[in-house]
N, C-alpha and C. Protein backbone atom coordinates (compact mmCIF):
# COMPACT_ATOMS: atom_id res chain seq x y z
N MET A 1 12.21 -39.13 42.28
CA MET A 1 12.66 -39.30 43.64
C MET A 1 14.08 -39.84 43.70
N SER A 2 14.41 -40.63 42.78
CA SER A 2 15.73 -41.22 42.71
C SER A 2 16.80 -40.14 42.59
N GLN A 3 16.52 -39.10 41.83
CA GLN A 3 17.44 -37.97 41.69
C GLN A 3 17.68 -37.31 43.04
N ASP A 4 16.64 -37.12 43.79
CA ASP A 4 16.76 -36.48 45.11
C ASP A 4 17.61 -37.33 46.05
N ILE A 5 17.43 -38.61 46.00
CA ILE A 5 18.21 -39.52 46.86
C ILE A 5 19.68 -39.47 46.46
N LEU A 6 19.94 -39.48 45.16
CA LEU A 6 21.31 -39.40 44.69
C LEU A 6 21.97 -38.08 45.10
N LYS A 7 21.21 -36.99 44.96
CA LYS A 7 21.74 -35.69 45.37
C LYS A 7 22.02 -35.66 46.87
N SER A 8 21.15 -36.28 47.62
CA SER A 8 21.33 -36.34 49.07
C SER A 8 22.58 -37.14 49.42
N HIS A 9 22.73 -38.28 48.77
CA HIS A 9 23.92 -39.10 49.02
C HIS A 9 25.19 -38.38 48.59
N LEU A 10 25.13 -37.72 47.46
CA LEU A 10 26.27 -36.97 46.97
C LEU A 10 26.63 -35.83 47.93
N SER A 11 25.63 -35.17 48.42
CA SER A 11 25.84 -34.08 49.37
C SER A 11 26.47 -34.62 50.66
N THR A 12 25.96 -35.74 51.13
CA THR A 12 26.50 -36.37 52.33
C THR A 12 27.95 -36.79 52.11
N LEU A 13 28.19 -37.35 50.95
CA LEU A 13 29.55 -37.79 50.61
C LEU A 13 30.49 -36.59 50.54
N GLU A 14 30.07 -35.50 49.96
CA GLU A 14 30.89 -34.29 49.87
C GLU A 14 31.19 -33.73 51.26
N ARG A 15 30.16 -33.75 52.11
CA ARG A 15 30.35 -33.26 53.49
C ARG A 15 31.35 -34.13 54.23
N LYS A 16 31.22 -35.44 54.08
CA LYS A 16 32.16 -36.35 54.76
C LYS A 16 33.57 -36.20 54.20
N LEU A 17 33.68 -36.01 52.91
CA LEU A 17 34.98 -35.81 52.29
C LEU A 17 35.63 -34.52 52.80
N THR A 18 34.86 -33.48 52.93
CA THR A 18 35.35 -32.20 53.46
C THR A 18 35.84 -32.38 54.89
N LEU A 19 35.05 -33.08 55.69
CA LEU A 19 35.46 -33.34 57.08
C LEU A 19 36.74 -34.17 57.12
N LEU A 20 36.82 -35.15 56.27
CA LEU A 20 38.00 -36.01 56.22
C LEU A 20 39.24 -35.20 55.81
N LEU A 21 39.09 -34.35 54.82
CA LEU A 21 40.21 -33.51 54.40
C LEU A 21 40.66 -32.56 55.50
N ASN A 22 39.69 -31.98 56.20
CA ASN A 22 40.02 -31.09 57.31
C ASN A 22 40.76 -31.85 58.42
N GLU A 23 40.30 -33.04 58.70
CA GLU A 23 40.95 -33.87 59.72
C GLU A 23 42.37 -34.24 59.26
N TYR A 24 42.51 -34.56 57.99
CA TYR A 24 43.83 -34.89 57.44
C TYR A 24 44.78 -33.71 57.59
N ARG A 25 44.33 -32.53 57.24
CA ARG A 25 45.17 -31.33 57.37
C ARG A 25 45.57 -31.09 58.83
N SER A 26 44.60 -31.29 59.71
CA SER A 26 44.87 -31.09 61.14
C SER A 26 45.94 -32.07 61.64
N VAL A 27 45.78 -33.33 61.25
CA VAL A 27 46.74 -34.35 61.68
C VAL A 27 48.10 -34.09 61.05
N LYS A 28 48.11 -33.67 59.80
CA LYS A 28 49.36 -33.36 59.12
C LYS A 28 50.09 -32.20 59.81
N ASP A 29 49.35 -31.16 60.18
CA ASP A 29 49.95 -30.03 60.89
C ASP A 29 50.49 -30.45 62.25
N LYS A 30 49.74 -31.27 62.95
CA LYS A 30 50.17 -31.74 64.26
C LYS A 30 51.42 -32.60 64.12
N ASN A 31 51.45 -33.44 63.10
CA ASN A 31 52.62 -34.28 62.85
C ASN A 31 53.85 -33.42 62.59
N LEU A 32 53.70 -32.38 61.80
CA LEU A 32 54.81 -31.49 61.52
C LEU A 32 55.30 -30.81 62.80
N THR A 33 54.37 -30.36 63.61
CA THR A 33 54.72 -29.72 64.89
C THR A 33 55.47 -30.71 65.78
N LEU A 34 55.00 -31.94 65.84
CA LEU A 34 55.65 -32.94 66.68
C LEU A 34 57.04 -33.31 66.15
N GLN A 35 57.19 -33.33 64.84
CA GLN A 35 58.51 -33.60 64.27
C GLN A 35 59.48 -32.48 64.61
N GLU A 36 59.03 -31.24 64.54
CA GLU A 36 59.88 -30.12 64.91
C GLU A 36 60.25 -30.17 66.38
N GLU A 37 59.27 -30.48 67.22
CA GLU A 37 59.54 -30.59 68.66
C GLU A 37 60.52 -31.73 68.93
N ASN A 38 60.33 -32.84 68.22
CA ASN A 38 61.22 -33.98 68.38
C ASN A 38 62.66 -33.61 68.01
N GLU A 39 62.82 -32.88 66.93
CA GLU A 39 64.16 -32.46 66.50
C GLU A 39 64.78 -31.52 67.54
N GLU A 40 63.99 -30.60 68.08
CA GLU A 40 64.49 -29.70 69.11
C GLU A 40 64.93 -30.48 70.34
N LEU A 41 64.14 -31.47 70.72
CA LEU A 41 64.48 -32.28 71.90
C LEU A 41 65.73 -33.11 71.65
N ARG A 42 65.88 -33.62 70.44
CA ARG A 42 67.09 -34.37 70.11
C ARG A 42 68.32 -33.47 70.19
N SER A 43 68.19 -32.25 69.71
CA SER A 43 69.30 -31.30 69.80
C SER A 43 69.62 -30.98 71.26
N LEU A 44 68.58 -30.82 72.05
CA LEU A 44 68.78 -30.54 73.47
C LEU A 44 69.47 -31.71 74.16
N ILE A 45 69.05 -32.92 73.84
CA ILE A 45 69.67 -34.10 74.43
C ILE A 45 71.14 -34.17 74.04
N LYS A 46 71.43 -33.89 72.77
CA LYS A 46 72.81 -33.91 72.31
C LYS A 46 73.65 -32.89 73.07
N ALA A 47 73.11 -31.69 73.25
CA ALA A 47 73.82 -30.65 73.99
C ALA A 47 74.05 -31.08 75.44
N LYS A 48 73.04 -31.68 76.05
CA LYS A 48 73.18 -32.13 77.44
C LYS A 48 74.20 -33.26 77.54
N ASP A 49 74.21 -34.17 76.55
CA ASP A 49 75.20 -35.24 76.55
C ASP A 49 76.62 -34.67 76.46
N GLU A 50 76.78 -33.64 75.63
CA GLU A 50 78.09 -33.00 75.52
C GLU A 50 78.48 -32.34 76.83
N GLN A 51 77.51 -31.71 77.49
CA GLN A 51 77.80 -31.10 78.79
C GLN A 51 78.22 -32.15 79.80
N ILE A 52 77.51 -33.26 79.82
CA ILE A 52 77.84 -34.34 80.75
C ILE A 52 79.25 -34.85 80.47
N PHE A 53 79.55 -35.04 79.19
CA PHE A 53 80.88 -35.51 78.82
C PHE A 53 81.95 -34.52 79.29
N ASN A 54 81.69 -33.24 79.09
CA ASN A 54 82.65 -32.22 79.53
C ASN A 54 82.81 -32.22 81.04
N PHE A 55 81.69 -32.38 81.75
CA PHE A 55 81.77 -32.45 83.22
C PHE A 55 82.55 -33.68 83.66
N GLN A 56 82.34 -34.79 82.97
CA GLN A 56 83.09 -36.00 83.31
C GLN A 56 84.59 -35.78 83.09
N ASN A 57 84.93 -35.07 82.01
CA ASN A 57 86.34 -34.77 81.77
C ASN A 57 86.90 -33.86 82.84
N LYS A 58 86.11 -32.89 83.27
CA LYS A 58 86.57 -32.00 84.34
C LYS A 58 86.81 -32.79 85.63
N ILE A 59 85.92 -33.75 85.90
CA ILE A 59 86.09 -34.58 87.09
C ILE A 59 87.36 -35.41 86.97
N LYS A 60 87.60 -35.97 85.78
CA LYS A 60 88.83 -36.74 85.57
C LYS A 60 90.05 -35.87 85.81
N ILE A 61 90.02 -34.67 85.26
CA ILE A 61 91.16 -33.77 85.42
C ILE A 61 91.34 -33.41 86.90
N SER A 62 90.23 -33.19 87.60
CA SER A 62 90.33 -32.89 89.04
C SER A 62 90.94 -34.06 89.79
N LYS A 63 90.54 -35.27 89.43
CA LYS A 63 91.12 -36.45 90.08
C LYS A 63 92.61 -36.56 89.77
N ILE A 64 92.96 -36.25 88.52
CA ILE A 64 94.37 -36.32 88.13
C ILE A 64 95.18 -35.32 88.95
N VAL A 65 94.67 -34.11 89.07
CA VAL A 65 95.38 -33.08 89.84
C VAL A 65 95.50 -33.51 91.30
N ASN A 66 94.46 -34.11 91.83
CA ASN A 66 94.51 -34.54 93.23
C ASN A 66 95.47 -35.70 93.44
N GLU A 67 95.66 -36.51 92.38
CA GLU A 67 96.56 -37.66 92.50
C GLU A 67 98.03 -37.25 92.51
N ILE A 68 98.32 -36.11 91.91
CA ILE A 68 99.72 -35.68 91.86
C ILE A 68 100.17 -35.32 93.28
N ASP A 69 101.11 -36.06 93.71
CA ASP A 69 101.63 -35.85 95.06
C ASP A 69 102.91 -35.03 94.94
N GLU A 70 103.03 -34.01 95.74
CA GLU A 70 104.20 -33.15 95.65
C GLU A 70 105.48 -33.88 96.02
N GLY A 71 105.40 -35.03 96.65
CA GLY A 71 106.58 -35.79 97.04
C GLY A 71 107.13 -36.65 95.91
N ASP A 72 106.44 -36.75 94.77
CA ASP A 72 106.92 -37.56 93.65
C ASP A 72 108.20 -36.98 93.07
N ASP A 73 109.07 -37.89 92.59
CA ASP A 73 110.27 -37.38 91.92
C ASP A 73 109.90 -36.90 90.52
N SER A 74 110.81 -36.19 89.88
CA SER A 74 110.50 -35.53 88.62
C SER A 74 110.22 -36.52 87.50
N SER A 75 110.88 -37.68 87.45
CA SER A 75 110.63 -38.65 86.38
C SER A 75 109.24 -39.25 86.52
N GLU A 76 108.83 -39.51 87.73
CA GLU A 76 107.48 -40.05 87.96
C GLU A 76 106.43 -39.00 87.60
N LEU A 77 106.67 -37.76 87.97
CA LEU A 77 105.76 -36.67 87.65
C LEU A 77 105.67 -36.49 86.13
N LYS A 78 106.82 -36.59 85.44
CA LYS A 78 106.83 -36.47 83.99
C LYS A 78 106.01 -37.60 83.35
N ARG A 79 106.15 -38.81 83.85
CA ARG A 79 105.38 -39.95 83.33
C ARG A 79 103.89 -39.73 83.53
N LYS A 80 103.51 -39.24 84.71
CA LYS A 80 102.09 -38.98 84.98
C LYS A 80 101.55 -37.89 84.05
N ILE A 81 102.34 -36.85 83.85
CA ILE A 81 101.91 -35.77 82.96
C ILE A 81 101.73 -36.29 81.54
N ASP A 82 102.66 -37.13 81.10
CA ASP A 82 102.53 -37.73 79.76
C ASP A 82 101.26 -38.58 79.65
N ASP A 83 100.96 -39.33 80.70
CA ASP A 83 99.73 -40.14 80.72
C ASP A 83 98.50 -39.23 80.66
N TYR A 84 98.56 -38.13 81.39
CA TYR A 84 97.43 -37.20 81.40
C TYR A 84 97.23 -36.55 80.04
N ILE A 85 98.36 -36.22 79.40
CA ILE A 85 98.26 -35.62 78.06
C ILE A 85 97.62 -36.62 77.09
N LYS A 86 97.99 -37.87 77.18
CA LYS A 86 97.38 -38.90 76.33
C LYS A 86 95.88 -39.00 76.60
N GLU A 87 95.51 -38.95 77.86
CA GLU A 87 94.09 -39.02 78.22
C GLU A 87 93.34 -37.80 77.68
N ILE A 88 93.95 -36.63 77.78
CA ILE A 88 93.34 -35.41 77.25
C ILE A 88 93.19 -35.51 75.74
N ASP A 89 94.19 -36.05 75.06
CA ASP A 89 94.10 -36.24 73.60
C ASP A 89 92.94 -37.17 73.24
N LYS A 90 92.75 -38.21 74.02
CA LYS A 90 91.61 -39.10 73.78
C LYS A 90 90.30 -38.35 73.94
N CYS A 91 90.22 -37.53 74.97
CA CYS A 91 89.00 -36.75 75.21
C CYS A 91 88.74 -35.78 74.05
N ILE A 92 89.79 -35.14 73.57
CA ILE A 92 89.64 -34.21 72.45
C ILE A 92 89.17 -34.95 71.21
N SER A 93 89.70 -36.13 70.97
CA SER A 93 89.28 -36.89 69.79
C SER A 93 87.81 -37.30 69.90
N HIS A 94 87.37 -37.63 71.12
CA HIS A 94 85.94 -37.95 71.32
C HIS A 94 85.06 -36.74 71.08
N LEU A 95 85.53 -35.59 71.51
CA LEU A 95 84.74 -34.37 71.33
C LEU A 95 84.64 -33.96 69.88
N SER A 96 85.66 -34.25 69.11
CA SER A 96 85.66 -33.84 67.71
C SER A 96 84.85 -34.77 66.81
N LYS A 97 84.37 -35.86 67.35
CA LYS A 97 83.57 -36.81 66.54
C LYS A 97 82.17 -36.34 66.39
């Protein structure tokens, strides 16, 4: 009888081990899927952040254009343009990072 009990326990243990392995594989697959989704979402966020940054730069440029008054003398206009070029250079350096 002892043999039968041992076989029964061994069979139960094998069944539980099989279930555990199946569960492990399932969780591992789900983890991989979630990691891929996470990476896609991070890429999407990065792209959206770049779009926002570009839109902010466009708004800055629009404000700069609106600030230029046609009544300014040429030296003042030249100074403003130089300031704008410096600001654009800063924006380009941020984009290239």
